[in-house]
């Protein structure tokens, strides 16, 4: 899979996880599942495919850290742009 595709998917996963983490504890898992389903649909991948991709990346720490760094930088830049408005 191309690096930019991984970055895009992981960015969406991070945003989904962040949004779900703010949900009430009683519905957090359900909210997380809904967001993950939206991520899978957006990227035309099954939830299992996303999980397998993440497991594969976990086995390649250098690649994982590189992708995570790009994702975090991208999210930080987006946050700064929003705060400047």
C-alpha atoms as a PDB file:
ATOM      1  CA  UNK A   1       0.000   0.000   0.000  1.00  0.00           C
ATOM      2  CA  UNK A   2       1.271   3.467  -0.801  1.00  0.00           C
ATOM      3  CA  UNK A   3       2.521   5.640   2.038  1.00  0.00           C
ATOM      4  CA  UNK A   4      -0.006   8.431   1.407  1.00  0.00           C
ATOM      5  CA  UNK A   5      -2.907   5.951   1.498  1.00  0.00           C
ATOM      6  CA  UNK A   6      -1.638   4.669   4.876  1.00  0.00           C
ATOM      7  CA  UNK A   7      -1.352   8.242   6.143  1.00  0.00           C
ATOM      8  CA  UNK A   8      -4.887   9.057   5.018  1.00  0.00           C
ATOM      9  CA  UNK A   9      -6.364   5.946   6.633  1.00  0.00           C
ATOM     10  CA  UNK A  10      -4.456   6.395   9.883  1.00  0.00           C
ATOM     11  CA  UNK A  11      -5.411  10.074  10.022  1.00  0.00           C
ATOM     12  CA  UNK A  12      -9.072   9.130   9.770  1.00  0.00           C
ATOM     13  CA  UNK A  13      -8.624   6.401  12.397  1.00  0.00           C
ATOM     14  CA  UNK A  14      -6.965   8.853  14.811  1.00  0.00           C
ATOM     15  CA  UNK A  15      -9.762  11.367  14.322  1.00  0.00           C
ATOM     16  CA  UNK A  16     -12.410   8.657  14.777  1.00  0.00           C
ATOM     17  CA  UNK A  17     -10.738   7.398  17.945  1.00  0.00           C
ATOM     18  CA  UNK A  18     -10.484  10.906  19.301  1.00  0.00           C
ATOM     19  CA  UNK A  19     -14.149  11.595  18.624  1.00  0.00           C
ATOM     20  CA  UNK A  20     -15.222   8.281  20.157  1.00  0.00           C
ATOM     21  CA  UNK A  21     -13.121   8.914  23.245  1.00  0.00           C
ATOM     22  CA  UNK A  22     -15.332  11.895  24.079  1.00  0.00           C
ATOM     23  CA  UNK A  23     -18.511   9.825  24.014  1.00  0.00           C
ATOM     24  CA  UNK A  24     -20.192   8.685  27.191  1.00  0.00           C
ATOM     25  CA  UNK A  25     -18.648   5.453  28.517  1.00  0.00           C
ATOM     26  CA  UNK A  26     -21.898   3.563  28.085  1.00  0.00           C
ATOM     27  CA  UNK A  27     -21.874   4.085  24.297  1.00  0.00           C
ATOM     28  CA  UNK A  28     -18.169   4.608  23.564  1.00  0.00           C
ATOM     29  CA  UNK A  29     -17.638   1.190  21.938  1.00  0.00           C
ATOM     30  CA  UNK A  30     -20.709   1.640  19.738  1.00  0.00           C
ATOM     31  CA  UNK A  31     -19.629   5.126  18.695  1.00  0.00           C
ATOM     32  CA  UNK A  32     -16.119   3.840  17.909  1.00  0.00           C
ATOM     33  CA  UNK A  33     -17.604   1.041  15.764  1.00  0.00           C
ATOM     34  CA  UNK A  34     -19.728   3.538  13.802  1.00  0.00           C
ATOM     35  CA  UNK A  35     -16.738   5.794  13.138  1.00  0.00           C
ATOM     36  CA  UNK A  36     -14.541   2.855  12.124  1.00  0.00           C
ATOM     37  CA  UNK A  37     -17.238   1.698   9.717  1.00  0.00           C
ATOM     38  CA  UNK A  38     -17.266   5.180   8.167  1.00  0.00           C
ATOM     39  CA  UNK A  39     -13.477   5.068   7.799  1.00  0.00           C
ATOM     40  CA  UNK A  40     -13.679   1.673   6.115  1.00  0.00           C
ATOM     41  CA  UNK A  41     -16.365   2.884   3.708  1.00  0.00           C
ATOM     42  CA  UNK A  42     -14.467   6.082   2.926  1.00  0.00           C
ATOM     43  CA  UNK A  43     -11.348   4.126   2.006  1.00  0.00           C
ATOM     44  CA  UNK A  44     -13.208   1.229   0.358  1.00  0.00           C
ATOM     45  CA  UNK A  45     -11.704  -1.306   2.766  1.00  0.00           C
ATOM     46  CA  UNK A  46     -13.310  -3.728   5.173  1.00  0.00           C
ATOM     47  CA  UNK A  47     -12.808  -3.283   8.898  1.00  0.00           C
ATOM     48  CA  UNK A  48     -10.851  -6.560   8.841  1.00  0.00           C
ATOM     49  CA  UNK A  49      -8.574  -5.217   6.103  1.00  0.00           C
ATOM     50  CA  UNK A  50      -7.899  -2.115   8.175  1.00  0.00           C
ATOM     51  CA  UNK A  51      -7.182  -4.270  11.221  1.00  0.00           C
ATOM     52  CA  UNK A  52      -4.817  -6.471   9.216  1.00  0.00           C
ATOM     53  CA  UNK A  53      -3.049  -3.395   7.842  1.00  0.00           C
ATOM     54  CA  UNK A  54      -2.567  -2.061  11.369  1.00  0.00           C
ATOM     55  CA  UNK A  55      -1.258  -5.445  12.582  1.00  0.00           C
ATOM     56  CA  UNK A  56       1.168  -5.585   9.674  1.00  0.00           C
ATOM     57  CA  UNK A  57       2.364  -2.051  10.441  1.00  0.00           C
ATOM     58  CA  UNK A  58       2.788  -2.955  14.109  1.00  0.00           C
ATOM     59  CA  UNK A  59       5.284  -5.587  12.972  1.00  0.00           C
ATOM     60  CA  UNK A  60       7.299  -2.928  11.149  1.00  0.00           C
ATOM     61  CA  UNK A  61       8.026  -0.357  13.870  1.00  0.00           C
ATOM     62  CA  UNK A  62      10.214   1.880  11.689  1.00  0.00           C
ATOM     63  CA  UNK A  63       7.450   2.242   9.101  1.00  0.00           C
ATOM     64  CA  UNK A  64       4.793   2.620  11.789  1.00  0.00           C
ATOM     65  CA  UNK A  65       6.676   5.433  13.538  1.00  0.00           C
ATOM     66  CA  UNK A  66       7.297   7.191  10.228  1.00  0.00           C
ATOM     67  CA  UNK A  67       3.614   7.043   9.277  1.00  0.00           C
ATOM     68  CA  UNK A  68       2.515   8.068  12.790  1.00  0.00           C
ATOM     69  CA  UNK A  69       4.860  11.058  12.668  1.00  0.00           C
ATOM     70  CA  UNK A  70       3.395  12.212   9.374  1.00  0.00           C
ATOM     71  CA  UNK A  71      -0.161  11.735  10.693  1.00  0.00           C
ATOM     72  CA  UNK A  72       0.529  13.677  13.879  1.00  0.00           C
ATOM     73  CA  UNK A  73       2.221  16.494  11.952  1.00  0.00           C
ATOM     74  CA  UNK A  74      -0.730  16.649   9.564  1.00  0.00           C
ATOM     75  CA  UNK A  75      -3.286  16.743  12.377  1.00  0.00           C
ATOM     76  CA  UNK A  76      -1.271  19.385  14.229  1.00  0.00           C
ATOM     77  CA  UNK A  77      -1.138  21.564  11.118  1.00  0.00           C
ATOM     78  CA  UNK A  78      -4.896  21.217  10.628  1.00  0.00           C
ATOM     79  CA  UNK A  79      -5.491  22.134  14.261  1.00  0.00           C
ATOM     80  CA  UNK A  80      -3.328  25.265  13.925  1.00  0.00           C
ATOM     81  CA  UNK A  81      -5.242  26.334  10.800  1.00  0.00           C
ATOM     82  CA  UNK A  82      -8.566  25.936  12.613  1.00  0.00           C
ATOM     83  CA  UNK A  83      -7.331  27.891  15.624  1.00  0.00           C
ATOM     84  CA  UNK A  84      -6.098  30.732  13.397  1.00  0.00           C
ATOM     85  CA  UNK A  85      -9.584  31.255  11.922  1.00  0.00           C
END
